[in-house]
Amino acid sequence: MKSKLVYFVLYLVVIAELLVVIYERDLLVNELKFKADLAKYIQEVEMDTLVNNEKFSVPMNPGSVYNVVQVRGISTDEEKAALVFYGERVSQVGDLPTQINSNETGNQFIRLEKSKDIALLKFTSDWRTLPGVIKGGSRGTGYRLQYNVYLKTPRILPRDLEISTVAKILSGIAQIKGKEHIRLSYVFNLPDSVLLNVIKKVDEASVIGLNESELSELKSSIGNINDVKDSKQLATLAAKYKDMPKIKELRQKFEMFTTKKVLLTLIITE
């Protein structure tokens, strides 16, 4: 009887140790996944030109499209949907627009469009209707056309993350030097309901751009938000944070992210 009891106790000990091992393994896996996600979310958004002094033929029929710029560092589909490409003309070319962006559709002759994280240059006219300076200058080597291209985008965390995960990511970014602009852009682009829950959950005030006393007062003024579902009520409560003078100033600097300009050079031929 005693031997059976001993074996049963040993069995329970083995089971307990196995459960501890499984638990520790899960903790390690979750931590490794979090670090991998964090590394993805703190990437700087940059652009690479896909063309450099390459020749582009404008056909007799309008609508020719060329991939010209690719974005690196965009980590979510929400960011891809929100980003806007901008172009500023460098070379002085007749009637071609001095500024173009991927939100406009009515530009004459040339447009900047986007396909997720790719910028496309589209000639909306045919060769016959292009400005004479291009057609005249294209004889032989082609006409050199230049635009400085950049993009603006809000940094947006995936909308399906749990509140605790969002708070943990923002706190993790706060521990990394030189990433304040990314962290605050994420904060300022959270939906009101998520923002309010994050404010309630974070312990370090600097994560959302405040000091400890400001965070304490803000939490008290917001009160209990568990039963608040109406979007207008949520917006009113979120405004207690967004309309703080310090936060307004930070939002102007960090809510939208702007990349450095890259020079896009095309050689236009018939």
Protein backbone atom coordinates (compact mmCIF):
# COMPACT_ATOMS: atom_id res chain seq x y z
CA MET A 1 0.00 0.00 0.00
CA LYS A 2 2.81 2.33 0.94
CA SER A 3 4.65 1.63 -2.30
CA LYS A 4 1.53 2.49 -4.30
CA LEU A 5 1.21 5.75 -2.41
CA VAL A 6 4.85 6.58 -3.09
CA TYR A 7 4.40 5.92 -6.81
CA PHE A 8 1.25 8.05 -6.83
CA VAL A 9 3.07 10.94 -5.15
CA LEU A 10 5.96 10.61 -7.60
CA TYR A 11 3.44 10.62 -10.43
CA LEU A 12 1.93 13.87 -9.13
CA VAL A 13 5.40 15.40 -8.78
CA VAL A 14 6.26 14.49 -12.38
CA ILE A 15 2.96 15.92 -13.61
CA ALA A 16 3.54 19.14 -11.64
CA GLU A 17 7.07 19.50 -13.01
CA LEU A 18 5.78 18.87 -16.53
CA LEU A 19 3.13 21.57 -16.10
CA VAL A 20 5.82 23.99 -14.87
CA VAL A 21 7.97 23.21 -17.91
CA ILE A 22 5.02 23.74 -20.27
CA TYR A 23 4.13 27.00 -18.53
CA GLU A 24 7.71 28.29 -18.73
CA ARG A 25 7.91 27.24 -22.37
CA ASP A 26 4.73 29.16 -23.16
CA LEU A 27 6.10 32.22 -21.37
CA LEU A 28 9.30 32.02 -23.40
CA VAL A 29 7.43 31.56 -26.69
CA ASN A 30 5.15 34.51 -25.91
CA GLU A 31 8.12 36.68 -24.96
CA LEU A 32 10.00 35.79 -28.15
CA LYS A 33 6.89 36.55 -30.21
CA PHE A 34 6.46 39.88 -28.44
CA LYS A 35 10.08 40.85 -29.11
CA ALA A 36 9.68 39.93 -32.79
CA ASP A 37 6.49 42.01 -33.04
CA LEU A 38 8.13 44.91 -31.22
CA ALA A 39 11.07 44.87 -33.64
CA LYS A 40 8.57 45.03 -36.51
CA TYR A 41 6.58 47.92 -35.06
CA ILE A 42 9.61 50.15 -34.36
CA GLN A 43 10.93 50.07 -37.91
CA GLU A 44 11.45 53.44 -39.54
CA VAL A 45 9.39 54.04 -42.67
CA GLU A 46 11.70 54.60 -45.65
CA MET A 47 11.40 54.61 -49.42
CA ASP A 48 13.51 53.00 -52.14
CA THR A 49 13.39 54.20 -55.73
CA LEU A 50 12.72 51.42 -58.21
CA VAL A 51 14.00 53.52 -61.12
CA ASN A 52 17.11 55.61 -61.66
CA ASN A 53 17.53 57.50 -64.93
CA GLU A 54 15.57 54.80 -66.75
CA LYS A 55 13.78 55.46 -70.00
CA PHE A 56 9.99 55.43 -70.07
CA SER A 57 8.11 55.38 -73.32
CA VAL A 58 4.81 57.25 -73.40
CA PRO A 59 2.62 55.38 -75.89
CA MET A 60 0.04 56.82 -78.23
CA ASN A 61 -2.69 55.56 -75.87
CA PRO A 62 -3.02 57.17 -72.41
CA GLY A 63 -2.82 55.26 -69.14
CA SER A 64 0.70 53.80 -69.08
CA VAL A 65 1.77 53.07 -65.48
CA TYR A 66 5.26 52.58 -64.01
CA ASN A 67 6.26 51.35 -60.53
CA VAL A 68 8.67 53.98 -59.23
CA VAL A 69 8.97 53.81 -55.41
CA GLN A 70 8.65 51.05 -52.80
CA VAL A 71 8.14 51.61 -49.07
CA ARG A 72 10.03 49.79 -46.31
CA GLY A 73 9.03 49.68 -42.65
CA ILE A 74 5.25 49.73 -43.05
CA SER A 75 4.14 47.07 -40.59
CA THR A 76 0.34 46.98 -40.81
CA ASP A 77 -2.36 46.92 -43.46
CA GLU A 78 -3.91 49.95 -41.75
CA GLU A 79 -0.77 51.98 -42.44
CA LYS A 80 -0.67 50.88 -46.07
CA ALA A 81 -4.27 52.01 -46.51
CA ALA A 82 -3.62 55.39 -44.88
CA LEU A 83 -0.32 56.42 -46.48
CA VAL A 84 -0.23 59.14 -49.15
CA PHE A 85 2.58 59.69 -51.65
CA TYR A 86 3.60 63.24 -52.63
CA GLY A 87 5.74 64.49 -55.48
CA GLU A 88 7.35 67.92 -56.01
CA ARG A 89 8.59 68.70 -59.50
CA VAL A 90 12.29 69.54 -59.77
CA SER A 91 12.72 70.08 -63.49
CA GLN A 92 10.77 72.96 -65.03
CA VAL A 93 8.50 71.38 -67.60
CA GLY A 94 5.78 73.36 -69.31
CA ASP A 95 2.32 72.36 -68.12
CA LEU A 96 3.28 69.34 -66.04
CA PRO A 97 2.01 69.78 -62.43
CA THR A 98 4.50 71.16 -59.92
CA GLN A 99 2.97 69.01 -57.16
CA ILE A 100 1.26 65.62 -57.33
CA ASN A 101 -0.04 63.20 -54.72
CA SER A 102 -1.74 59.83 -54.64
CA ASN A 103 -5.03 61.29 -53.34
CA GLU A 104 -5.57 63.43 -56.45
CA THR A 105 -7.12 62.04 -59.60
CA GLY A 106 -7.52 65.09 -61.83
CA ASN A 107 -3.95 66.07 -62.66
CA GLN A 108 -3.24 66.71 -66.32
CA PHE A 109 -0.63 64.60 -68.10
CA ILE A 110 0.83 62.78 -65.06
CA ARG A 111 -0.38 61.32 -61.74
CA LEU A 112 1.09 59.67 -58.67
CA GLU A 113 -0.88 56.61 -57.57
CA LYS A 114 -0.40 53.87 -55.00
CA SER A 115 -0.83 50.15 -54.77
CA LYS A 116 -0.44 49.24 -51.08
CA ASP A 117 3.21 50.16 -50.41
CA ILE A 118 4.20 50.89 -54.02
CA ALA A 119 4.09 54.32 -55.68
CA LEU A 120 3.17 54.32 -59.36
CA LEU A 121 3.62 57.08 -61.89
CA LYS A 122 0.83 57.19 -64.44
CA PHE A 123 0.78 59.18 -67.67
CA THR A 124 -2.86 60.17 -68.10
CA SER A 125 -2.29 61.69 -71.54
CA ASP A 126 -0.93 60.22 -74.73
CA TRP A 127 2.24 61.26 -76.50
CA ARG A 128 0.49 63.69 -78.82
CA THR A 129 -0.93 65.81 -75.99
CA LEU A 130 2.20 66.05 -73.83
CA PRO A 131 3.75 69.55 -73.56
CA GLY A 132 5.86 70.44 -76.56
CA VAL A 133 8.94 70.98 -74.41
CA ILE A 134 8.93 67.27 -73.55
CA LYS A 135 8.36 66.09 -77.10
CA GLY A 136 10.99 68.47 -78.41
CA GLY A 137 13.50 67.62 -75.72
CA SER A 138 13.00 63.89 -76.06
CA ARG A 139 14.61 63.63 -79.44
CA GLY A 140 17.74 61.54 -79.19
CA THR A 141 18.47 60.74 -75.55
CA GLY A 142 15.01 61.61 -74.18
CA TYR A 143 13.67 64.29 -71.86
CA ARG A 144 14.86 64.23 -68.22
CA LEU A 145 11.95 64.59 -65.79
CA GLN A 146 12.51 64.79 -62.02
CA TYR A 147 10.24 64.71 -58.96
CA ASN A 148 11.14 64.65 -55.27
CA VAL A 149 8.86 61.98 -53.80
CA TYR A 150 7.98 61.43 -50.14
CA LEU A 151 5.08 60.02 -48.15
CA LYS A 152 3.00 60.85 -45.12
CA THR A 153 1.34 58.22 -42.98
CA PRO A 154 -0.01 57.80 -39.47
CA ARG A 155 1.63 54.95 -37.57
CA ILE A 156 -1.19 52.54 -36.78
CA LEU A 157 -1.07 49.37 -34.70
CA PRO A 158 -3.24 46.44 -35.86
CA ARG A 159 -6.85 46.99 -34.82
CA ASP A 160 -7.30 43.40 -33.61
CA LEU A 161 -4.73 43.60 -30.81
CA GLU A 162 -5.94 43.24 -27.24
CA ILE A 163 -5.73 46.31 -24.99
CA SER A 164 -3.11 44.66 -22.79
CA THR A 165 -0.96 43.91 -25.85
CA VAL A 166 -1.25 47.50 -27.13
CA ALA A 167 -0.21 48.84 -23.72
CA LYS A 168 2.69 46.39 -23.55
CA ILE A 169 3.91 47.34 -27.04
CA LEU A 170 3.77 51.07 -26.26
CA SER A 171 5.59 50.51 -22.96
CA GLY A 172 8.18 48.40 -24.76
CA ILE A 173 8.80 51.12 -27.37
CA ALA A 174 9.16 53.66 -24.54
CA GLN A 175 12.22 51.73 -23.34
CA ILE A 176 13.98 52.15 -26.70
CA LYS A 177 15.89 55.37 -27.32
CA GLY A 178 15.12 57.39 -30.43
CA LYS A 179 11.66 55.89 -31.03
CA GLU A 180 9.49 58.53 -29.33
CA HIS A 181 8.08 59.72 -32.67
CA ILE A 182 6.91 56.20 -33.55
CA ARG A 183 5.41 55.51 -30.13
CA LEU A 184 3.49 58.80 -29.96
CA SER A 185 2.20 58.42 -33.51
CA TYR A 186 0.82 55.01 -32.51
CA VAL A 187 -0.77 56.56 -29.40
CA PHE A 188 -2.34 59.48 -31.27
CA ASN A 189 -3.86 57.19 -33.89
CA LEU A 190 -5.55 54.75 -31.51
CA PRO A 191 -9.36 54.59 -31.71
CA ASP A 192 -10.96 56.51 -28.83
CA SER A 193 -12.12 53.39 -26.99
CA VAL A 194 -8.66 51.79 -27.21
CA LEU A 195 -6.91 55.04 -26.26
CA LEU A 196 -9.04 55.43 -23.12
CA ASN A 197 -8.39 51.84 -22.04
CA VAL A 198 -4.65 52.26 -22.63
CA ILE A 199 -4.66 55.46 -20.54
CA LYS A 200 -6.33 53.50 -17.74
CA LYS A 201 -3.90 50.60 -18.07
CA VAL A 202 -0.46 52.23 -18.41
CA ASP A 203 1.59 52.79 -15.28
CA GLU A 204 4.32 54.95 -16.79
CA ALA A 205 2.94 58.38 -17.73
CA SER A 206 5.73 59.03 -20.25
CA VAL A 207 4.34 56.26 -22.48
CA ILE A 208 1.55 58.64 -23.53
CA GLY A 209 3.56 61.85 -23.23
CA LEU A 210 2.55 62.94 -19.73
CA ASN A 211 4.11 63.18 -16.27
CA GLU A 212 2.84 61.20 -13.27
CA SER A 213 0.60 63.91 -11.80
CA GLU A 214 -0.95 64.66 -15.20
CA LEU A 215 -1.70 60.97 -15.75
CA SER A 216 -3.24 60.62 -12.30
CA GLU A 217 -5.50 63.63 -12.83
CA LEU A 218 -6.45 62.39 -16.31
CA LYS A 219 -7.42 58.95 -15.04
CA SER A 220 -9.60 60.54 -12.36
CA SER A 221 -11.31 62.88 -14.82
CA ILE A 222 -12.07 60.05 -17.26
CA GLY A 223 -13.60 57.87 -14.57
CA ASN A 224 -15.13 54.46 -15.27
CA ILE A 225 -15.35 53.74 -19.01
CA ASN A 226 -16.44 50.10 -18.89
CA ASP A 227 -20.07 50.91 -19.64
CA VAL A 228 -19.41 53.70 -22.17
CA LYS A 229 -20.27 52.48 -25.68
CA ASP A 230 -21.54 55.59 -27.46
CA SER A 231 -18.93 56.96 -29.90
CA LYS A 232 -19.72 60.59 -29.03
CA GLN A 233 -19.24 59.93 -25.33
CA LEU A 234 -15.98 58.13 -26.05
CA ALA A 235 -14.79 61.06 -28.20
CA THR A 236 -15.67 63.51 -25.41
CA LEU A 237 -13.67 61.52 -22.88
CA ALA A 238 -10.74 61.06 -25.27
CA ALA A 239 -10.71 64.82 -25.85
CA LYS A 240 -9.73 65.28 -22.19
CA TYR A 241 -6.37 63.83 -23.26
CA LYS A 242 -6.14 65.00 -26.87
CA ASP A 243 -6.96 68.64 -26.05
CA MET A 244 -4.34 69.02 -23.33
CA PRO A 245 -1.94 71.82 -24.46
CA LYS A 246 1.10 69.56 -24.16
CA ILE A 247 -0.58 66.78 -26.14
CA LYS A 248 -1.82 69.18 -28.83
CA GLU A 249 1.77 70.28 -29.41
CA LEU A 250 3.02 66.69 -29.54
CA ARG A 251 0.23 65.70 -31.93
CA GLN A 252 1.27 68.42 -34.37
CA LYS A 253 4.80 66.97 -34.40
CA PHE A 254 4.16 63.24 -34.29
CA GLU A 255 0.60 62.29 -35.32
CA MET A 256 1.62 62.01 -38.98
CA PHE A 257 4.97 60.60 -40.06
CA THR A 258 6.78 62.11 -43.06
CA THR A 259 9.67 60.37 -44.79
CA LYS A 260 12.72 61.97 -46.30
CA LYS A 261 12.41 62.93 -49.96
CA VAL A 262 13.87 60.68 -52.64
CA LEU A 263 14.75 61.97 -56.08
CA LEU A 264 12.90 60.26 -58.90
CA THR A 265 14.43 60.71 -62.36
CA LEU A 266 12.71 59.56 -65.54
CA ILE A 267 13.89 59.80 -69.11
CA ILE A 268 10.80 60.41 -71.25
CA THR A 269 10.77 59.12 -74.82
CA GLU A 270 8.15 58.43 -77.45
